[in-house]
């Protein structure tokens, strides 16, 4: 059976990383695996263009016995590829054996809160998702909204993304106050009750860290941490070893509670 984020117990502790060469990403993946990660997510923003092909991706995917997720947002350090050009790179990753590909919620139509409502763009997204599925990979549809949102707004956003044919829906909101943190916890619990699709709900901001550590126990299906701190790519994420220690010692997960 092919390695997957969806055919193993959730939540899936996933090491998130970037790098310029296959060798660098292989080393980081092995560090993450040794620390207990059960998946790898790779940001392609800094990956050198000469390696953005099936051969380059296969060297990475074959390096460890973990599923790989690849994403490529509008922040390429080597140029300004179009949405269409970035998807060709991600399709090469799927061809090389990636388990999951990230499709932006406003792909083909850059929009506020990274969610397009344009029927033509949505139709193109659905066709792309079908193509990715045809290559044997799952799809996460994602939005990084850059602001705080209340529970009802997030639920509507995620349900809308979920109608496009992906396998996981993802949103990243902002929590900069105590009230926003409380609302973020409320939102995660509500998503767990209401969504039929596996989901990723993450936060950035001054009050994001408690949610990062506890969200996986409250219903988040896939969550992220770094194998080691890397100054080139910022330092906001917790480490894999820290995240694993918290969840191992918490000994509580909402999925394990009896249904009421």
C-alpha atoms as a PDB file:
ATOM      1  CA  UNK A   1       0.000   0.000   0.000  1.00  0.00           C
ATOM      2  CA  UNK A   2       1.296   3.460  -0.944  1.00  0.00           C
ATOM      3  CA  UNK A   3       2.305   5.664   1.966  1.00  0.00           C
ATOM      4  CA  UNK A   4      -0.365   8.254   2.695  1.00  0.00           C
ATOM      5  CA  UNK A   5      -1.340  10.930   5.175  1.00  0.00           C
ATOM      6  CA  UNK A   6      -4.834   9.465   5.185  1.00  0.00           C
ATOM      7  CA  UNK A   7      -4.247   5.733   5.710  1.00  0.00           C
ATOM      8  CA  UNK A   8      -2.556   6.101   9.098  1.00  0.00           C
ATOM      9  CA  UNK A   9      -3.869   7.198  12.499  1.00  0.00           C
ATOM     10  CA  UNK A  10      -4.592  10.891  12.819  1.00  0.00           C
ATOM     11  CA  UNK A  11      -3.294  13.399  13.715  1.00  0.00           C
ATOM     12  CA  UNK A  12      -0.213  13.010  11.511  1.00  0.00           C
ATOM     13  CA  UNK A  13       2.890  14.768  12.840  1.00  0.00           C
ATOM     14  CA  UNK A  14       4.445  16.245   9.702  1.00  0.00           C
ATOM     15  CA  UNK A  15       7.869  17.821   9.382  1.00  0.00           C
ATOM     16  CA  UNK A  16       7.734  20.968   7.264  1.00  0.00           C
ATOM     17  CA  UNK A  17      10.855  22.145   5.455  1.00  0.00           C
ATOM     18  CA  UNK A  18      12.412  23.952   2.521  1.00  0.00           C
ATOM     19  CA  UNK A  19      15.762  23.582   0.813  1.00  0.00           C
ATOM     20  CA  UNK A  20      17.668  24.213  -2.393  1.00  0.00           C
ATOM     21  CA  UNK A  21      18.810  20.712  -3.384  1.00  0.00           C
ATOM     22  CA  UNK A  22      17.564  17.130  -3.147  1.00  0.00           C
ATOM     23  CA  UNK A  23      20.488  16.256  -0.884  1.00  0.00           C
ATOM     24  CA  UNK A  24      19.542  18.963   1.606  1.00  0.00           C
ATOM     25  CA  UNK A  25      15.914  17.821   1.717  1.00  0.00           C
ATOM     26  CA  UNK A  26      16.907  14.162   2.017  1.00  0.00           C
ATOM     27  CA  UNK A  27      19.029  14.990   5.067  1.00  0.00           C
ATOM     28  CA  UNK A  28      16.249  17.046   6.656  1.00  0.00           C
ATOM     29  CA  UNK A  29      13.734  14.285   5.976  1.00  0.00           C
ATOM     30  CA  UNK A  30      15.937  11.711   7.657  1.00  0.00           C
ATOM     31  CA  UNK A  31      16.397  13.992  10.672  1.00  0.00           C
ATOM     32  CA  UNK A  32      12.632  14.378  10.898  1.00  0.00           C
ATOM     33  CA  UNK A  33      12.006  10.653  10.582  1.00  0.00           C
ATOM     34  CA  UNK A  34      14.518   9.976  13.354  1.00  0.00           C
ATOM     35  CA  UNK A  35      12.687  12.444  15.617  1.00  0.00           C
ATOM     36  CA  UNK A  36       9.340  10.737  15.096  1.00  0.00           C
ATOM     37  CA  UNK A  37       7.678  12.566  12.198  1.00  0.00           C
ATOM     38  CA  UNK A  38       5.126  10.497  10.287  1.00  0.00           C
ATOM     39  CA  UNK A  39       5.012  12.703   7.205  1.00  0.00           C
ATOM     40  CA  UNK A  40       7.053  15.321   5.342  1.00  0.00           C
ATOM     41  CA  UNK A  41       5.796  18.608   3.826  1.00  0.00           C
ATOM     42  CA  UNK A  42       8.112  20.426   1.431  1.00  0.00           C
ATOM     43  CA  UNK A  43       7.853  24.085   0.436  1.00  0.00           C
ATOM     44  CA  UNK A  44       9.289  24.463  -3.082  1.00  0.00           C
ATOM     45  CA  UNK A  45       9.901  28.225  -2.886  1.00  0.00           C
ATOM     46  CA  UNK A  46      13.694  27.822  -2.584  1.00  0.00           C
ATOM     47  CA  UNK A  47      14.169  24.542  -4.455  1.00  0.00           C
ATOM     48  CA  UNK A  48      16.503  25.227  -7.380  1.00  0.00           C
ATOM     49  CA  UNK A  49      14.776  25.104 -10.781  1.00  0.00           C
ATOM     50  CA  UNK A  50      17.188  22.505 -12.185  1.00  0.00           C
ATOM     51  CA  UNK A  51      15.858  19.972  -9.668  1.00  0.00           C
ATOM     52  CA  UNK A  52      12.158  20.683 -10.216  1.00  0.00           C
ATOM     53  CA  UNK A  53      11.536  17.537 -12.220  1.00  0.00           C
ATOM     54  CA  UNK A  54      10.445  13.938 -11.673  1.00  0.00           C
ATOM     55  CA  UNK A  55      14.014  12.735 -11.152  1.00  0.00           C
ATOM     56  CA  UNK A  56      14.790  15.416  -8.564  1.00  0.00           C
ATOM     57  CA  UNK A  57      11.587  14.786  -6.641  1.00  0.00           C
ATOM     58  CA  UNK A  58      11.997  11.011  -6.753  1.00  0.00           C
ATOM     59  CA  UNK A  59      15.396  11.269  -5.058  1.00  0.00           C
ATOM     60  CA  UNK A  60      13.636  12.948  -2.136  1.00  0.00           C
ATOM     61  CA  UNK A  61      10.490  10.816  -1.986  1.00  0.00           C
ATOM     62  CA  UNK A  62      12.488   7.566  -2.008  1.00  0.00           C
ATOM     63  CA  UNK A  63      14.816   8.693   0.803  1.00  0.00           C
ATOM     64  CA  UNK A  64      12.606   7.848   3.793  1.00  0.00           C
ATOM     65  CA  UNK A  65       9.652   5.603   4.499  1.00  0.00           C
ATOM     66  CA  UNK A  66       7.192   8.466   4.986  1.00  0.00           C
ATOM     67  CA  UNK A  67       4.500  10.139   2.849  1.00  0.00           C
ATOM     68  CA  UNK A  68       5.424  13.454   1.217  1.00  0.00           C
ATOM     69  CA  UNK A  69       3.334  16.573   0.681  1.00  0.00           C
ATOM     70  CA  UNK A  70       4.543  19.287  -1.701  1.00  0.00           C
ATOM     71  CA  UNK A  71       3.368  22.876  -1.967  1.00  0.00           C
ATOM     72  CA  UNK A  72       4.408  25.807  -4.137  1.00  0.00           C
ATOM     73  CA  UNK A  73       2.818  29.161  -3.373  1.00  0.00           C
ATOM     74  CA  UNK A  74       3.332  32.565  -5.029  1.00  0.00           C
ATOM     75  CA  UNK A  75       6.695  33.241  -3.361  1.00  0.00           C
ATOM     76  CA  UNK A  76       9.287  31.619  -5.621  1.00  0.00           C
ATOM     77  CA  UNK A  77      12.813  32.842  -4.837  1.00  0.00           C
ATOM     78  CA  UNK A  78      14.072  32.008  -8.334  1.00  0.00           C
ATOM     79  CA  UNK A  79      11.536  33.818 -10.483  1.00  0.00           C
ATOM     80  CA  UNK A  80       7.877  34.655 -10.949  1.00  0.00           C
ATOM     81  CA  UNK A  81       6.223  31.548 -12.393  1.00  0.00           C
ATOM     82  CA  UNK A  82       2.534  31.725 -13.224  1.00  0.00           C
ATOM     83  CA  UNK A  83      -0.071  29.661 -11.408  1.00  0.00           C
ATOM     84  CA  UNK A  84      -0.074  27.299 -14.384  1.00  0.00           C
ATOM     85  CA  UNK A  85       3.714  26.905 -14.359  1.00  0.00           C
ATOM     86  CA  UNK A  86       3.796  26.119 -10.645  1.00  0.00           C
ATOM     87  CA  UNK A  87       1.200  23.396 -11.089  1.00  0.00           C
ATOM     88  CA  UNK A  88       3.373  21.695 -13.698  1.00  0.00           C
ATOM     89  CA  UNK A  89       6.114  21.465 -11.070  1.00  0.00           C
ATOM     90  CA  UNK A  90       3.679  20.008  -8.537  1.00  0.00           C
ATOM     91  CA  UNK A  91       2.411  17.499 -11.096  1.00  0.00           C
ATOM     92  CA  UNK A  92       6.015  16.345 -11.539  1.00  0.00           C
ATOM     93  CA  UNK A  93       6.154  15.791  -7.773  1.00  0.00           C
ATOM     94  CA  UNK A  94       2.958  13.732  -7.957  1.00  0.00           C
ATOM     95  CA  UNK A  95       4.447  11.735 -10.827  1.00  0.00           C
ATOM     96  CA  UNK A  96       7.506  11.048  -8.655  1.00  0.00           C
ATOM     97  CA  UNK A  97       5.396   9.507  -5.901  1.00  0.00           C
ATOM     98  CA  UNK A  98       4.242  12.382  -3.699  1.00  0.00           C
ATOM     99  CA  UNK A  99       1.385  11.363  -1.445  1.00  0.00           C
ATOM    100  CA  UNK A 100      -0.303  14.772  -1.315  1.00  0.00           C
ATOM    101  CA  UNK A 101      -0.270  17.978  -3.353  1.00  0.00           C
ATOM    102  CA  UNK A 102      -1.407  21.375  -2.053  1.00  0.00           C
ATOM    103  CA  UNK A 103      -3.855  23.261  -4.309  1.00  0.00           C
ATOM    104  CA  UNK A 104      -4.362  26.898  -3.328  1.00  0.00           C
ATOM    105  CA  UNK A 105      -7.953  27.934  -2.709  1.00  0.00           C
ATOM    106  CA  UNK A 106      -7.555  30.921  -5.052  1.00  0.00           C
ATOM    107  CA  UNK A 107      -5.528  29.120  -7.701  1.00  0.00           C
ATOM    108  CA  UNK A 108      -6.060  30.696 -11.146  1.00  0.00           C
ATOM    109  CA  UNK A 109      -7.770  33.719  -9.551  1.00  0.00           C
ATOM    110  CA  UNK A 110      -5.792  35.490  -6.757  1.00  0.00           C
ATOM    111  CA  UNK A 111      -8.448  36.579  -4.283  1.00  0.00           C
ATOM    112  CA  UNK A 112      -8.913  37.950  -0.757  1.00  0.00           C
ATOM    113  CA  UNK A 113      -8.503  35.284   1.938  1.00  0.00           C
ATOM    114  CA  UNK A 114      -7.103  32.968  -0.753  1.00  0.00           C
ATOM    115  CA  UNK A 115     -10.467  31.644  -1.877  1.00  0.00           C
ATOM    116  CA  UNK A 116     -11.827  32.228  -5.353  1.00  0.00           C
ATOM    117  CA  UNK A 117     -15.555  32.333  -5.998  1.00  0.00           C
ATOM    118  CA  UNK A 118     -15.115  32.522  -9.772  1.00  0.00           C
ATOM    119  CA  UNK A 119     -16.826  29.535 -11.481  1.00  0.00           C
ATOM    120  CA  UNK A 120     -14.221  29.313 -14.247  1.00  0.00           C
ATOM    121  CA  UNK A 121     -11.305  29.202 -11.780  1.00  0.00           C
ATOM    122  CA  UNK A 122     -13.138  26.657  -9.622  1.00  0.00           C
ATOM    123  CA  UNK A 123     -13.757  24.448 -12.664  1.00  0.00           C
ATOM    124  CA  UNK A 124     -10.054  24.584 -13.510  1.00  0.00           C
ATOM    125  CA  UNK A 125      -9.210  23.654  -9.927  1.00  0.00           C
ATOM    126  CA  UNK A 126     -11.524  20.645 -10.100  1.00  0.00           C
ATOM    127  CA  UNK A 127      -9.900  19.476 -13.338  1.00  0.00           C
ATOM    128  CA  UNK A 128      -6.439  19.875 -11.808  1.00  0.00           C
ATOM    129  CA  UNK A 129      -7.508  17.899  -8.745  1.00  0.00           C
ATOM    130  CA  UNK A 130      -8.758  15.115 -11.030  1.00  0.00           C
ATOM    131  CA  UNK A 131      -5.379  15.101 -12.776  1.00  0.00           C
ATOM    132  CA  UNK A 132      -3.508  14.892  -9.468  1.00  0.00           C
ATOM    133  CA  UNK A 133      -5.754  12.039  -8.344  1.00  0.00           C
ATOM    134  CA  UNK A 134      -5.006  10.325 -11.646  1.00  0.00           C
ATOM    135  CA  UNK A 135      -1.330  10.359 -10.739  1.00  0.00           C
ATOM    136  CA  UNK A 136      -2.062   8.598  -7.451  1.00  0.00           C
ATOM    137  CA  UNK A 137      -1.774  11.568  -5.064  1.00  0.00           C
ATOM    138  CA  UNK A 138      -4.271  13.068  -2.645  1.00  0.00           C
ATOM    139  CA  UNK A 139      -5.063  16.794  -2.567  1.00  0.00           C
ATOM    140  CA  UNK A 140      -5.222  19.357   0.229  1.00  0.00           C
ATOM    141  CA  UNK A 141      -6.999  22.596  -0.716  1.00  0.00           C
ATOM    142  CA  UNK A 142      -5.559  25.466   1.307  1.00  0.00           C
ATOM    143  CA  UNK A 143      -6.097  29.108   2.222  1.00  0.00           C
ATOM    144  CA  UNK A 144      -3.805  31.391   4.221  1.00  0.00           C
ATOM    145  CA  UNK A 145      -6.161  34.216   5.055  1.00  0.00           C
ATOM    146  CA  UNK A 146      -3.840  36.655   6.872  1.00  0.00           C
ATOM    147  CA  UNK A 147      -6.454  37.738   9.410  1.00  0.00           C
ATOM    148  CA  UNK A 148      -8.591  36.546  12.308  1.00  0.00           C
ATOM    149  CA  UNK A 149     -11.894  34.847  11.460  1.00  0.00           C
ATOM    150  CA  UNK A 150     -14.768  33.706  13.620  1.00  0.00           C
ATOM    151  CA  UNK A 151     -16.034  30.148  13.760  1.00  0.00           C
ATOM    152  CA  UNK A 152     -18.913  30.642  11.372  1.00  0.00           C
ATOM    153  CA  UNK A 153     -16.686  32.322   8.772  1.00  0.00           C
ATOM    154  CA  UNK A 154     -14.124  29.527   8.941  1.00  0.00           C
ATOM    155  CA  UNK A 155     -16.766  26.798   8.659  1.00  0.00           C
ATOM    156  CA  UNK A 156     -18.291  28.392   5.557  1.00  0.00           C
ATOM    157  CA  UNK A 157     -14.831  28.857   4.049  1.00  0.00           C
ATOM    158  CA  UNK A 158     -13.850  25.234   4.675  1.00  0.00           C
ATOM    159  CA  UNK A 159     -17.153  23.827   3.419  1.00  0.00           C
ATOM    160  CA  UNK A 160     -16.737  25.847   0.232  1.00  0.00           C
ATOM    161  CA  UNK A 161     -13.223  24.493  -0.306  1.00  0.00           C
ATOM    162  CA  UNK A 162     -14.475  20.990   0.421  1.00  0.00           C
ATOM    163  CA  UNK A 163     -16.863  21.112  -2.527  1.00  0.00           C
ATOM    164  CA  UNK A 164     -14.003  21.185  -5.049  1.00  0.00           C
ATOM    165  CA  UNK A 165     -13.039  17.532  -4.871  1.00  0.00           C
ATOM    166  CA  UNK A 166     -10.000  17.533  -2.603  1.00  0.00           C
ATOM    167  CA  UNK A 167      -9.289  15.077   0.181  1.00  0.00           C
ATOM    168  CA  UNK A 168      -8.278  17.517   2.950  1.00  0.00           C
ATOM    169  CA  UNK A 169      -9.168  21.178   3.548  1.00  0.00           C
ATOM    170  CA  UNK A 170      -6.785  23.631   5.190  1.00  0.00           C
ATOM    171  CA  UNK A 171      -6.991  27.149   6.592  1.00  0.00           C
ATOM    172  CA  UNK A 172      -4.437  29.314   8.394  1.00  0.00           C
ATOM    173  CA  UNK A 173      -5.888  32.234  10.352  1.00  0.00           C
ATOM    174  CA  UNK A 174      -4.369  34.808  12.721  1.00  0.00           C
ATOM    175  CA  UNK A 175      -4.569  34.949  16.527  1.00  0.00           C
ATOM    176  CA  UNK A 176      -3.104  38.083  18.088  1.00  0.00           C
ATOM    177  CA  UNK A 177      -5.359  38.478  21.145  1.00  0.00           C
ATOM    178  CA  UNK A 178      -6.781  36.336  23.932  1.00  0.00           C
ATOM    179  CA  UNK A 179     -10.244  36.523  22.397  1.00  0.00           C
ATOM    180  CA  UNK A 180      -8.922  35.396  19.006  1.00  0.00           C
ATOM    181  CA  UNK A 181      -7.177  32.437  20.636  1.00  0.00           C
ATOM    182  CA  UNK A 182     -10.380  31.425  22.425  1.00  0.00           C
ATOM    183  CA  UNK A 183     -12.252  31.682  19.128  1.00  0.00           C
ATOM    184  CA  UNK A 184      -9.608  29.573  17.399  1.00  0.00           C
ATOM    185  CA  UNK A 185     -10.116  26.732  19.885  1.00  0.00           C
ATOM    186  CA  UNK A 186     -13.887  27.042  19.486  1.00  0.00           C
ATOM    187  CA  UNK A 187     -13.425  26.898  15.712  1.00  0.00           C
ATOM    188  CA  UNK A 188     -11.328  23.730  15.766  1.00  0.00           C
ATOM    189  CA  UNK A 189     -13.886  21.946  17.931  1.00  0.00           C
ATOM    190  CA  UNK A 190     -16.698  23.095  15.648  1.00  0.00           C
ATOM    191  CA  UNK A 191     -14.852  21.917  12.541  1.00  0.00           C
ATOM    192  CA  UNK A 192     -14.351  18.534  14.169  1.00  0.00           C
ATOM    193  CA  UNK A 193     -18.113  18.249  14.719  1.00  0.00           C
ATOM    194  CA  UNK A 194     -19.295  19.635  11.395  1.00  0.00           C
ATOM    195  CA  UNK A 195     -16.799  18.688   8.691  1.00  0.00           C
ATOM    196  CA  UNK A 196     -16.869  15.284   7.037  1.00  0.00           C
ATOM    197  CA  UNK A 197     -13.517  15.961   5.359  1.00  0.00           C
ATOM    198  CA  UNK A 198     -10.190  15.722   7.225  1.00  0.00           C
ATOM    199  CA  UNK A 199      -9.023  19.235   8.003  1.00  0.00           C
ATOM    200  CA  UNK A 200      -6.019  21.340   8.920  1.00  0.00           C
ATOM    201  CA  UNK A 201      -6.731  24.399  11.052  1.00  0.00           C
ATOM    202  CA  UNK A 202      -3.628  26.378  11.994  1.00  0.00           C
ATOM    203  CA  UNK A 203      -2.939  29.847  13.347  1.00  0.00           C
ATOM    204  CA  UNK A 204      -0.182  32.408  13.114  1.00  0.00           C
ATOM    205  CA  UNK A 205       0.303  35.415  15.372  1.00  0.00           C
ATOM    206  CA  UNK A 206       1.265  36.266  18.948  1.00  0.00           C
ATOM    207  CA  UNK A 207      -1.224  33.793  20.488  1.00  0.00           C
ATOM    208  CA  UNK A 208      -0.799  30.973  17.983  1.00  0.00           C
ATOM    209  CA  UNK A 209       1.546  28.670  19.886  1.00  0.00           C
ATOM    210  CA  UNK A 210      -0.999  27.132  22.320  1.00  0.00           C
ATOM    211  CA  UNK A 211      -3.264  26.314  19.402  1.00  0.00           C
ATOM    212  CA  UNK A 212      -0.395  24.760  17.445  1.00  0.00           C
ATOM    213  CA  UNK A 213       0.290  22.347  20.292  1.00  0.00           C
ATOM    214  CA  UNK A 214      -3.302  21.497  21.259  1.00  0.00           C
ATOM    215  CA  UNK A 215      -5.107  21.662  17.906  1.00  0.00           C
ATOM    216  CA  UNK A 216      -4.056  18.128  16.895  1.00  0.00           C
ATOM    217  CA  UNK A 217      -5.761  16.694  19.997  1.00  0.00           C
ATOM    218  CA  UNK A 218      -8.933  18.614  19.151  1.00  0.00           C
ATOM    219  CA  UNK A 219      -9.465  17.271  15.642  1.00  0.00           C
ATOM    220  CA  UNK A 220      -6.769  18.678  13.321  1.00  0.00           C
ATOM    221  CA  UNK A 221      -5.790  15.818  10.988  1.00  0.00           C
ATOM    222  CA  UNK A 222      -2.304  16.907   9.864  1.00  0.00           C
ATOM    223  CA  UNK A 223      -0.030  19.267  11.794  1.00  0.00           C
ATOM    224  CA  UNK A 224       3.402  20.709  11.185  1.00  0.00           C
ATOM    225  CA  UNK A 225       6.725  21.170  12.949  1.00  0.00           C
ATOM    226  CA  UNK A 226      10.371  21.509  11.945  1.00  0.00           C
ATOM    227  CA  UNK A 227      13.130  18.951  12.397  1.00  0.00           C
ATOM    228  CA  UNK A 228      15.494  21.759  13.336  1.00  0.00           C
ATOM    229  CA  UNK A 229      15.432  25.540  13.311  1.00  0.00           C
ATOM    230  CA  UNK A 230      16.664  27.044  10.039  1.00  0.00           C
ATOM    231  CA  UNK A 231      17.306  30.815   9.900  1.00  0.00           C
ATOM    232  CA  UNK A 232      16.835  30.979   6.125  1.00  0.00           C
ATOM    233  CA  UNK A 233      13.150  30.120   6.424  1.00  0.00           C
ATOM    234  CA  UNK A 234      12.115  31.781   9.668  1.00  0.00           C
ATOM    235  CA  UNK A 235      11.624  30.354  13.135  1.00  0.00           C
ATOM    236  CA  UNK A 236       7.880  30.282  13.891  1.00  0.00           C
ATOM    237  CA  UNK A 237       7.295  26.522  13.911  1.00  0.00           C
ATOM    238  CA  UNK A 238       7.793  24.253  16.933  1.00  0.00           C
ATOM    239  CA  UNK A 239      10.172  21.321  16.615  1.00  0.00           C
ATOM    240  CA  UNK A 240       9.056  17.784  15.798  1.00  0.00           C
ATOM    241  CA  UNK A 241      10.507  16.455  19.046  1.00  0.00           C
ATOM    242  CA  UNK A 242       8.633  19.083  21.100  1.00  0.00           C
ATOM    243  CA  UNK A 243       5.312  18.455  19.376  1.00  0.00           C
ATOM    244  CA  UNK A 244       5.665  14.706  19.791  1.00  0.00           C
ATOM    245  CA  UNK A 245       6.504  15.072  23.485  1.00  0.00           C
ATOM    246  CA  UNK A 246       3.418  17.215  24.121  1.00  0.00           C
ATOM    247  CA  UNK A 247       1.013  14.828  22.407  1.00  0.00           C
ATOM    248  CA  UNK A 248       2.621  11.713  23.883  1.00  0.00           C
ATOM    249  CA  UNK A 249       2.314  13.120  27.391  1.00  0.00           C
ATOM    250  CA  UNK A 250      -1.082  14.747  26.983  1.00  0.00           C
ATOM    251  CA  UNK A 251      -2.610  11.259  26.640  1.00  0.00           C
ATOM    252  CA  UNK A 252      -5.899  12.699  25.409  1.00  0.00           C
ATOM    253  CA  UNK A 253      -7.415  12.977  21.975  1.00  0.00           C
ATOM    254  CA  UNK A 254     -10.953  13.966  21.060  1.00  0.00           C
ATOM    255  CA  UNK A 255     -11.100  11.156  18.489  1.00  0.00           C
ATOM    256  CA  UNK A 256     -10.809   8.591  21.285  1.00  0.00           C
ATOM    257  CA  UNK A 257     -13.815   9.831  23.261  1.00  0.00           C
ATOM    258  CA  UNK A 258     -17.094   7.888  23.025  1.00  0.00           C
ATOM    259  CA  UNK A 259     -19.752   9.528  20.886  1.00  0.00           C
ATOM    260  CA  UNK A 260     -22.544  11.195  22.831  1.00  0.00           C
END
